[in-house]
Amino acid sequence: MGDTTLDVQGLTCPLPVLKANKALRALPPGARLTVLATDPASVKDFRAFAQETGHALVAFSEEKGVYRFTLKKREEPA
């Protein structure tokens, strides 16, 4: 199963998390979603989103103002 990438660069809070949540709903359990964002607030937002929803934030990095989050969809509904 390949990773899905969602580019939300240029969008500000809360849109990156809302769009990621919508994309995750369309993926099968265990799938990975990589999100590219530029909003500095997204760092805090995605950590909170993962904690609240049960999806795993498996990777995070930042390079030249672009934040990359890799989320793994939870196996079963929380």
C-alpha atoms as a PDB file:
ATOM      1  CA  MET A   1       0.000   0.000   0.000  1.00  0.00           C
ATOM      2  CA  GLY A   2       1.550   3.310  -1.060  1.00  0.00           C
ATOM      3  CA  ASP A   3       1.601   6.477   0.928  1.00  0.00           C
ATOM      4  CA  THR A   4      -0.774   9.310   0.065  1.00  0.00           C
ATOM      5  CA  THR A   5       0.502  12.894   0.069  1.00  0.00           C
ATOM      6  CA  LEU A   6      -1.633  15.926   0.861  1.00  0.00           C
ATOM      7  CA  ASP A   7      -0.163  19.342   0.033  1.00  0.00           C
ATOM      8  CA  VAL A   8      -1.734  22.071   2.165  1.00  0.00           C
ATOM      9  CA  GLN A   9       1.084  24.590   1.854  1.00  0.00           C
ATOM     10  CA  GLY A  10      -0.154  28.149   2.147  1.00  0.00           C
ATOM     11  CA  LEU A  11      -3.225  27.218   4.196  1.00  0.00           C
ATOM     12  CA  THR A  12      -3.554  28.329   7.802  1.00  0.00           C
ATOM     13  CA  CYS A  13      -5.126  26.855  10.906  1.00  0.00           C
ATOM     14  CA  PRO A  14      -7.459  25.009  11.037  1.00  0.00           C
ATOM     15  CA  LEU A  15      -7.529  24.068   7.332  1.00  0.00           C
ATOM     16  CA  PRO A  16      -4.447  21.764   7.243  1.00  0.00           C
ATOM     17  CA  VAL A  17      -5.856  19.518   9.985  1.00  0.00           C
ATOM     18  CA  LEU A  18      -9.393  19.608   8.583  1.00  0.00           C
ATOM     19  CA  LYS A  19      -8.190  18.592   5.117  1.00  0.00           C
ATOM     20  CA  ALA A  20      -5.975  15.867   6.591  1.00  0.00           C
ATOM     21  CA  ASN A  21      -8.902  14.496   8.596  1.00  0.00           C
ATOM     22  CA  LYS A  22     -11.032  14.357   5.433  1.00  0.00           C
ATOM     23  CA  ALA A  23      -8.233  12.611   3.514  1.00  0.00           C
ATOM     24  CA  LEU A  24      -7.730  10.047   6.303  1.00  0.00           C
ATOM     25  CA  ARG A  25     -11.431   9.158   6.257  1.00  0.00           C
ATOM     26  CA  ALA A  26     -11.047   8.074   2.625  1.00  0.00           C
ATOM     27  CA  LEU A  27      -8.074   5.786   3.387  1.00  0.00           C
ATOM     28  CA  PRO A  28      -8.172   2.205   4.677  1.00  0.00           C
ATOM     29  CA  PRO A  29      -7.077   1.443   8.273  1.00  0.00           C
ATOM     30  CA  GLY A  30      -3.297   1.380   8.644  1.00  0.00           C
ATOM     31  CA  ALA A  31      -2.702   3.596   5.589  1.00  0.00           C
ATOM     32  CA  ARG A  32      -0.205   6.435   5.792  1.00  0.00           C
ATOM     33  CA  LEU A  33      -0.870  10.048   4.896  1.00  0.00           C
ATOM     34  CA  THR A  34       1.969  12.520   4.452  1.00  0.00           C
ATOM     35  CA  VAL A  35       0.953  16.153   4.874  1.00  0.00           C
ATOM     36  CA  LEU A  36       3.041  19.092   3.655  1.00  0.00           C
ATOM     37  CA  ALA A  37       2.214  22.345   5.451  1.00  0.00           C
ATOM     38  CA  THR A  38       3.752  25.794   5.903  1.00  0.00           C
ATOM     39  CA  ASP A  39       1.723  27.095   8.854  1.00  0.00           C
ATOM     40  CA  PRO A  40       3.930  27.052  12.000  1.00  0.00           C
ATOM     41  CA  ALA A  41       0.799  26.435  14.095  1.00  0.00           C
ATOM     42  CA  SER A  42       0.337  23.115  12.297  1.00  0.00           C
ATOM     43  CA  VAL A  43       3.078  21.550  14.436  1.00  0.00           C
ATOM     44  CA  LYS A  44       0.995  21.899  17.584  1.00  0.00           C
ATOM     45  CA  ASP A  45      -2.234  21.215  15.711  1.00  0.00           C
ATOM     46  CA  PHE A  46      -1.131  17.883  14.220  1.00  0.00           C
ATOM     47  CA  ARG A  47       0.266  16.642  17.544  1.00  0.00           C
ATOM     48  CA  ALA A  48      -3.056  17.418  19.223  1.00  0.00           C
ATOM     49  CA  PHE A  49      -5.019  15.937  16.307  1.00  0.00           C
ATOM     50  CA  ALA A  50      -3.129  12.649  16.533  1.00  0.00           C
ATOM     51  CA  GLN A  51      -3.587  12.448  20.293  1.00  0.00           C
ATOM     52  CA  GLU A  52      -7.311  13.211  20.120  1.00  0.00           C
ATOM     53  CA  THR A  53      -8.193  10.939  17.188  1.00  0.00           C
ATOM     54  CA  GLY A  54      -5.991   7.906  17.770  1.00  0.00           C
ATOM     55  CA  HIS A  55      -4.167   8.263  14.457  1.00  0.00           C
ATOM     56  CA  ALA A  56      -0.404   7.910  14.927  1.00  0.00           C
ATOM     57  CA  LEU A  57       1.966  10.751  14.092  1.00  0.00           C
ATOM     58  CA  VAL A  58       4.804   8.490  12.953  1.00  0.00           C
ATOM     59  CA  ALA A  59       7.150  11.116  11.521  1.00  0.00           C
ATOM     60  CA  PHE A  60       7.667  14.862  11.584  1.00  0.00           C
ATOM     61  CA  SER A  61      10.298  17.026   9.941  1.00  0.00           C
ATOM     62  CA  GLU A  62      10.828  20.611   8.846  1.00  0.00           C
ATOM     63  CA  GLU A  63      12.923  21.851   5.960  1.00  0.00           C
ATOM     64  CA  LYS A  64      13.025  25.427   4.650  1.00  0.00           C
ATOM     65  CA  GLY A  65       9.709  26.323   6.254  1.00  0.00           C
ATOM     66  CA  VAL A  66       7.859  23.244   5.021  1.00  0.00           C
ATOM     67  CA  TYR A  67       6.558  20.919   7.714  1.00  0.00           C
ATOM     68  CA  ARG A  68       6.142  17.249   6.803  1.00  0.00           C
ATOM     69  CA  PHE A  69       3.843  15.115   8.937  1.00  0.00           C
ATOM     70  CA  THR A  70       3.305  11.409   8.363  1.00  0.00           C
ATOM     71  CA  LEU A  71       0.160  10.043   9.954  1.00  0.00           C
ATOM     72  CA  LYS A  72      -0.885   6.406  10.160  1.00  0.00           C
ATOM     73  CA  LYS A  73      -4.627   5.881  10.204  1.00  0.00           C
ATOM     74  CA  ARG A  74      -5.827   4.033  13.270  1.00  0.00           C
ATOM     75  CA  GLU A  75      -6.752   0.399  12.804  1.00  0.00           C
ATOM     76  CA  GLU A  76     -10.192   0.668  14.397  1.00  0.00           C
ATOM     77  CA  PRO A  77     -12.489   3.575  15.235  1.00  0.00           C
ATOM     78  CA  ALA A  78     -11.648   5.289  18.510  1.00  0.00           C
END
